[in-house]
C-alpha atoms as a PDB file:
ATOM      1  CA  MET A   1      67.864  60.829 106.012  1.00  0.00           C
ATOM      2  CA  LYS A   2      68.822  64.242 104.563  1.00  0.00           C
ATOM      3  CA  LEU A   3      66.337  65.964 106.868  1.00  0.00           C
ATOM      4  CA  LYS A   4      67.846  64.256 109.925  1.00  0.00           C
ATOM      5  CA  LEU A   5      71.364  65.261 108.853  1.00  0.00           C
ATOM      6  CA  LEU A   6      70.234  68.843 108.265  1.00  0.00           C
ATOM      7  CA  LYS A   7      68.613  68.990 111.723  1.00  0.00           C
ATOM      8  CA  LEU A   8      71.758  67.535 113.301  1.00  0.00           C
ATOM      9  CA  LYS A   9      73.958  70.044 111.459  1.00  0.00           C
ATOM     10  CA  ASN A  10      71.732  72.957 112.547  1.00  0.00           C
ATOM     11  CA  MET A  11      71.813  71.776 116.163  1.00  0.00           C
ATOM     12  CA  ILE A  12      75.612  71.438 116.096  1.00  0.00           C
ATOM     13  CA  ASN A  13      75.974  74.903 114.520  1.00  0.00           C
ATOM     14  CA  TYR A  14      73.708  76.356 117.224  1.00  0.00           C
ATOM     15  CA  LEU A  15      75.798  74.799 120.005  1.00  0.00           C
ATOM     16  CA  ILE A  16      79.073  75.835 118.380  1.00  0.00           C
ATOM     17  CA  ASN A  17      77.876  79.408 117.894  1.00  0.00           C
ATOM     18  CA  LYS A  18      76.686  79.544 121.508  1.00  0.00           C
ATOM     19  CA  ARG A  19      80.079  78.236 122.711  1.00  0.00           C
ATOM     20  CA  HIS A  20      81.939  80.719 120.489  1.00  0.00           C
ATOM     21  CA  LYS A  21      79.976  83.618 121.924  1.00  0.00           C
ATOM     22  CA  SER A  22      80.863  82.665 125.486  1.00  0.00           C
ATOM     23  CA  ILE A  23      84.553  82.168 124.621  1.00  0.00           C
ATOM     24  CA  ILE A  24      84.715  85.479 122.776  1.00  0.00           C
ATOM     25  CA  LEU A  25      82.873  87.367 125.512  1.00  0.00           C
ATOM     26  CA  SER A  26      85.085  85.889 128.246  1.00  0.00           C
ATOM     27  CA  LEU A  27      88.304  86.709 126.378  1.00  0.00           C
ATOM     28  CA  PHE A  28      87.116  90.209 125.526  1.00  0.00           C
ATOM     29  CA  CYS A  29      86.097  90.929 129.137  1.00  0.00           C
ATOM     30  CA  PHE A  30      89.418  89.658 130.474  1.00  0.00           C
ATOM     31  CA  LEU A  31      91.460  91.770 128.067  1.00  0.00           C
ATOM     32  CA  CYS A  32      89.324  94.868 128.614  1.00  0.00           C
ATOM     33  CA  LEU A  33      89.438  94.590 132.404  1.00  0.00           C
ATOM     34  CA  HIS A  34      93.184  94.089 132.317  1.00  0.00           C
ATOM     35  CA  GLY A  35      93.687  97.029 129.964  1.00  0.00           C
ATOM     36  CA  PHE A  36      91.335  99.405 131.771  1.00  0.00           C
ATOM     37  CA  SER A  37      92.924  98.554 135.106  1.00  0.00           C
ATOM     38  CA  GLN A  38      96.207  99.840 133.665  1.00  0.00           C
ATOM     39  CA  VAL A  39      94.890 103.161 132.308  1.00  0.00           C
ATOM     40  CA  GLY A  40      95.903 105.161 135.388  1.00  0.00           C
ATOM     41  CA  ASP A  41      99.551 104.137 135.017  1.00  0.00           C
ATOM     42  CA  ASP A  42     100.280 106.658 132.286  1.00  0.00           C
ATOM     43  CA  VAL A  43      97.678 109.363 132.916  1.00  0.00           C
ATOM     44  CA  ALA A  44      98.106 112.315 135.234  1.00  0.00           C
ATOM     45  CA  TYR A  45      94.946 112.628 137.319  1.00  0.00           C
ATOM     46  CA  GLY A  46      93.288 116.016 137.352  1.00  0.00           C
ATOM     47  CA  SER A  47      94.481 116.847 133.839  1.00  0.00           C
ATOM     48  CA  THR A  48      91.895 118.779 131.820  1.00  0.00           C
ATOM     49  CA  THR A  49      93.426 118.141 128.393  1.00  0.00           C
ATOM     50  CA  SER A  50      92.456 115.090 126.387  1.00  0.00           C
ATOM     51  CA  ASN A  51      95.199 112.883 124.998  1.00  0.00           C
ATOM     52  CA  PHE A  52      92.783 110.623 123.127  1.00  0.00           C
ATOM     53  CA  TRP A  53      94.084 111.275 119.600  1.00  0.00           C
ATOM     54  CA  ASN A  54      97.688 111.112 120.798  1.00  0.00           C
ATOM     55  CA  ASN A  55      97.040 107.482 121.781  1.00  0.00           C
ATOM     56  CA  VAL A  56      95.269 106.364 118.579  1.00  0.00           C
ATOM     57  CA  ARG A  57      97.383 104.375 116.122  1.00  0.00           C
ATOM     58  CA  PHE A  58      96.376 103.696 112.516  1.00  0.00           C
ATOM     59  CA  GLY A  59      97.522 100.803 110.382  1.00  0.00           C
ATOM     60  CA  GLY A  60      96.235  97.952 108.327  1.00  0.00           C
ATOM     61  CA  GLY A  61      97.060  95.807 105.394  1.00  0.00           C
ATOM     62  CA  ILE A  62      96.979  95.768 101.618  1.00  0.00           C
ATOM     63  CA  GLY A  63      97.115  92.518  99.723  1.00  0.00           C
ATOM     64  CA  LEU A  64      97.426  91.676  96.038  1.00  0.00           C
ATOM     65  CA  GLY A  65      97.609  88.223  94.552  1.00  0.00           C
ATOM     66  CA  PHE A  66      97.555  87.198  90.931  1.00  0.00           C
ATOM     67  CA  GLY A  67      98.439  84.278  88.746  1.00  0.00           C
ATOM     68  CA  ASP A  68      97.222  82.404  85.684  1.00  0.00           C
ATOM     69  CA  GLY A  69      93.588  83.532  85.493  1.00  0.00           C
ATOM     70  CA  PHE A  70      93.492  84.572  89.168  1.00  0.00           C
ATOM     71  CA  PHE A  71      93.324  87.947  90.909  1.00  0.00           C
ATOM     72  CA  SER A  72      92.797  88.905  94.542  1.00  0.00           C
ATOM     73  CA  GLY A  73      92.908  92.326  96.185  1.00  0.00           C
ATOM     74  CA  THR A  74      92.411  93.244  99.837  1.00  0.00           C
ATOM     75  CA  LEU A  75      92.176  96.506 101.772  1.00  0.00           C
ATOM     76  CA  ALA A  76      92.115  96.130 105.568  1.00  0.00           C
ATOM     77  CA  PRO A  77      92.496  99.400 107.516  1.00  0.00           C
ATOM     78  CA  SER A  78      92.549  99.335 111.323  1.00  0.00           C
ATOM     79  CA  ALA A  79      92.927 101.641 114.295  1.00  0.00           C
ATOM     80  CA  VAL A  80      93.803 100.921 117.915  1.00  0.00           C
ATOM     81  CA  TYR A  81      93.750 103.006 121.059  1.00  0.00           C
ATOM     82  CA  GLU A  82      96.819 102.508 123.252  1.00  0.00           C
ATOM     83  CA  PHE A  83      95.672 102.643 126.873  1.00  0.00           C
ATOM     84  CA  ASN A  84      99.292 102.374 127.987  1.00  0.00           C
ATOM     85  CA  GLN A  85     102.546 100.799 126.784  1.00  0.00           C
ATOM     86  CA  GLN A  86     101.180  97.314 127.366  1.00  0.00           C
ATOM     87  CA  PHE A  87      97.566  97.305 126.175  1.00  0.00           C
ATOM     88  CA  ALA A  88      95.701  98.481 123.058  1.00  0.00           C
ATOM     89  CA  LEU A  89      92.187  97.835 121.751  1.00  0.00           C
ATOM     90  CA  GLY A  90      90.774  98.690 118.351  1.00  0.00           C
ATOM     91  CA  LEU A  91      88.687  98.005 115.274  1.00  0.00           C
ATOM     92  CA  GLY A  92      89.464  96.873 111.763  1.00  0.00           C
ATOM     93  CA  LEU A  93      87.660  96.658 108.439  1.00  0.00           C
ATOM     94  CA  ASN A  94      88.218  94.188 105.609  1.00  0.00           C
ATOM     95  CA  ALA A  95      87.239  94.349 101.934  1.00  0.00           C
ATOM     96  CA  THR A  96      88.432  91.666  99.508  1.00  0.00           C
ATOM     97  CA  TYR A  97      87.651  90.914  95.882  1.00  0.00           C
ATOM     98  CA  SER A  98      88.913  87.802  94.138  1.00  0.00           C
ATOM     99  CA  LYS A  99      88.270  86.219  90.764  1.00  0.00           C
ATOM    100  CA  ARG A 100      89.367  82.955  89.237  1.00  0.00           C
ATOM    101  CA  LYS A 101      88.689  82.607  85.517  1.00  0.00           C
ATOM    102  CA  ASN A 102      86.006  80.029  84.682  1.00  0.00           C
ATOM    103  CA  PHE A 103      85.476  79.270  88.375  1.00  0.00           C
ATOM    104  CA  HIS A 104      84.200  82.043  90.663  1.00  0.00           C
ATOM    105  CA  LYS A 105      84.105  85.659  91.791  1.00  0.00           C
ATOM    106  CA  SER A 106      84.139  86.458  95.515  1.00  0.00           C
ATOM    107  CA  THR A 107      83.481  89.593  97.501  1.00  0.00           C
ATOM    108  CA  ILE A 108      84.257  89.610 101.209  1.00  0.00           C
ATOM    109  CA  PHE A 109      83.378  92.422 103.616  1.00  0.00           C
ATOM    110  CA  GLY A 110      83.610  92.552 107.368  1.00  0.00           C
ATOM    111  CA  GLY A 111      85.108  93.917 110.515  1.00  0.00           C
ATOM    112  CA  SER A 112      87.174  92.901 113.494  1.00  0.00           C
ATOM    113  CA  LEU A 113      87.808  93.710 117.124  1.00  0.00           C
ATOM    114  CA  ILE A 114      91.521  93.723 117.963  1.00  0.00           C
ATOM    115  CA  SER A 115      93.212  93.546 121.360  1.00  0.00           C
ATOM    116  CA  LEU A 116      96.978  93.765 121.771  1.00  0.00           C
ATOM    117  CA  PHE A 117      99.020  93.046 124.893  1.00  0.00           C
ATOM    118  CA  ASN A 118     102.779  93.614 125.259  1.00  0.00           C
ATOM    119  CA  PRO A 119     104.061  91.819 128.385  1.00  0.00           C
ATOM    120  CA  ILE A 120     107.535  93.140 127.469  1.00  0.00           C
ATOM    121  CA  PRO A 121     108.317  95.701 124.741  1.00  0.00           C
ATOM    122  CA  SER A 122     109.553  93.139 122.176  1.00  0.00           C
ATOM    123  CA  ILE A 123     106.719  90.573 122.560  1.00  0.00           C
ATOM    124  CA  GLN A 124     103.136  91.184 121.438  1.00  0.00           C
ATOM    125  CA  LEU A 125     100.195  88.878 122.194  1.00  0.00           C
ATOM    126  CA  SER A 126      96.961  89.435 120.313  1.00  0.00           C
ATOM    127  CA  ALA A 127      93.346  88.360 120.192  1.00  0.00           C
ATOM    128  CA  GLU A 128      91.240  89.349 117.201  1.00  0.00           C
ATOM    129  CA  PHE A 129      87.624  88.482 116.536  1.00  0.00           C
ATOM    130  CA  GLU A 130      86.749  88.828 112.868  1.00  0.00           C
ATOM    131  CA  GLU A 131      83.305  88.506 111.264  1.00  0.00           C
ATOM    132  CA  LEU A 132      83.226  88.375 107.455  1.00  0.00           C
ATOM    133  CA  ASN A 133      80.397  88.237 104.944  1.00  0.00           C
ATOM    134  CA  VAL A 134      81.489  85.931 102.128  1.00  0.00           C
ATOM    135  CA  ASN A 135      79.701  86.061  98.777  1.00  0.00           C
ATOM    136  CA  ARG A 136      80.879  83.472  96.230  1.00  0.00           C
ATOM    137  CA  ASP A 137      79.442  83.601  92.726  1.00  0.00           C
ATOM    138  CA  PHE A 138      80.378  80.459  90.789  1.00  0.00           C
ATOM    139  CA  ASP A 139      80.469  80.347  86.985  1.00  0.00           C
ATOM    140  CA  GLU A 140      77.658  77.910  86.128  1.00  0.00           C
ATOM    141  CA  GLN A 141      79.140  77.194  82.677  1.00  0.00           C
ATOM    142  CA  PHE A 142      82.143  75.466  84.222  1.00  0.00           C
ATOM    143  CA  VAL A 143      81.290  74.628  87.856  1.00  0.00           C
ATOM    144  CA  SER A 144      78.182  72.999  89.308  1.00  0.00           C
ATOM    145  CA  ASN A 145      78.607  74.554  92.787  1.00  0.00           C
ATOM    146  CA  ALA A 146      75.739  76.689  94.052  1.00  0.00           C
ATOM    147  CA  ASP A 147      76.418  80.354  94.754  1.00  0.00           C
ATOM    148  CA  THR A 148      76.926  81.020  98.454  1.00  0.00           C
ATOM    149  CA  ASN A 149      76.490  83.975 100.776  1.00  0.00           C
ATOM    150  CA  TYR A 150      77.266  83.486 104.471  1.00  0.00           C
ATOM    151  CA  TRP A 151      78.868  85.024 107.543  1.00  0.00           C
ATOM    152  CA  TYR A 152      82.120  83.504 108.746  1.00  0.00           C
ATOM    153  CA  PRO A 153      83.547  84.152 112.234  1.00  0.00           C
ATOM    154  CA  ALA A 154      87.237  83.808 113.109  1.00  0.00           C
ATOM    155  CA  LEU A 155      88.947  84.182 116.469  1.00  0.00           C
ATOM    156  CA  PHE A 156      92.692  84.626 116.078  1.00  0.00           C
ATOM    157  CA  LEU A 157      95.094  84.219 118.987  1.00  0.00           C
ATOM    158  CA  GLY A 158      98.581  85.332 118.071  1.00  0.00           C
ATOM    159  CA  ALA A 159     102.091  86.061 119.221  1.00  0.00           C
ATOM    160  CA  GLY A 160     104.758  88.131 117.566  1.00  0.00           C
ATOM    161  CA  TYR A 161     108.102  89.870 117.808  1.00  0.00           C
ATOM    162  CA  ARG A 162     107.704  93.640 118.018  1.00  0.00           C
ATOM    163  CA  THR A 163     110.296  96.201 116.967  1.00  0.00           C
ATOM    164  CA  GLY A 164     109.109  99.819 117.019  1.00  0.00           C
ATOM    165  CA  ARG A 165     105.724 100.020 115.286  1.00  0.00           C
ATOM    166  CA  VAL A 166     106.153  96.733 113.355  1.00  0.00           C
ATOM    167  CA  THR A 167     105.247  93.264 114.637  1.00  0.00           C
ATOM    168  CA  PHE A 168     106.043  89.963 112.876  1.00  0.00           C
ATOM    169  CA  GLY A 169     104.307  86.850 114.119  1.00  0.00           C
ATOM    170  CA  ILE A 170     101.894  83.985 113.740  1.00  0.00           C
ATOM    171  CA  ARG A 171      98.252  83.642 114.688  1.00  0.00           C
ATOM    172  CA  TYR A 172      95.876  80.715 115.034  1.00  0.00           C
ATOM    173  CA  ASP A 173      92.141  80.708 114.238  1.00  0.00           C
ATOM    174  CA  VAL A 174      90.514  78.712 117.046  1.00  0.00           C
ATOM    175  CA  LEU A 175      87.187  78.712 115.135  1.00  0.00           C
ATOM    176  CA  TYR A 176      88.715  77.466 111.881  1.00  0.00           C
ATOM    177  CA  ASP A 177      86.340  75.582 109.551  1.00  0.00           C
ATOM    178  CA  GLU A 178      88.059  74.089 106.522  1.00  0.00           C
ATOM    179  CA  GLU A 179      84.919  74.218 104.345  1.00  0.00           C
ATOM    180  CA  ASP A 180      83.840  77.824 104.965  1.00  0.00           C
ATOM    181  CA  SER A 181      87.016  79.695 105.872  1.00  0.00           C
ATOM    182  CA  ILE A 182      88.510  82.096 103.364  1.00  0.00           C
ATOM    183  CA  TYR A 183      91.940  81.224 104.754  1.00  0.00           C
ATOM    184  CA  PRO A 184      93.878  78.161 103.562  1.00  0.00           C
ATOM    185  CA  ASP A 185      94.913  77.079 107.075  1.00  0.00           C
ATOM    186  CA  ALA A 186      94.203  77.844 110.749  1.00  0.00           C
ATOM    187  CA  TRP A 187      97.834  78.988 111.235  1.00  0.00           C
ATOM    188  CA  LEU A 188      98.611  82.290 109.499  1.00  0.00           C
ATOM    189  CA  PRO A 189     101.737  84.470 109.582  1.00  0.00           C
ATOM    190  CA  PHE A 190     101.214  88.219 109.935  1.00  0.00           C
ATOM    191  CA  VAL A 191     102.992  91.547 109.738  1.00  0.00           C
ATOM    192  CA  ARG A 192     101.279  94.288 111.740  1.00  0.00           C
ATOM    193  CA  VAL A 193     102.165  97.993 111.431  1.00  0.00           C
ATOM    194  CA  PHE A 194     100.651 100.884 113.390  1.00  0.00           C
ATOM    195  CA  PHE A 195     101.663 104.555 113.100  1.00  0.00           C
END
């Protein structure tokens, strides 16, 4: 019975991963084609000087959480290239360490691909594919869970209010898995800052 369940789970995971890849690829292609089709709007043709670094924006996040026997720290730098006033595409990194006394220690490393679209200056739509390696080391003296090490994908679709270089909003993980996700819920608020 366990073998049949394991085979069924592996088959479902294979189909889900295959579906995720096609969704991610389709969304990425759409956003890239839209953004690249807009590049000529803000660029003077025939110019010999490169404005690449003038269009790169850096940002990211820092997170600290602590409580009774708990600590969590996150560093998540990111950079985006603004093709024009409406579209930007970039990369992000994520490193998180958390520890809960007498329960577990976790290290999480990964990266993300970020696309931002501003249909009007004050509204920002986003799509972000994130792939994280999660390593959970449980304290065998107090917990009978087996240590785990796995990759977890997330595809966030979000919307926010943008003022200057700061955006406040909410995003939804369409690939959310309650058992494996490092996030408590599929809906997550965010504050995004790029300089």
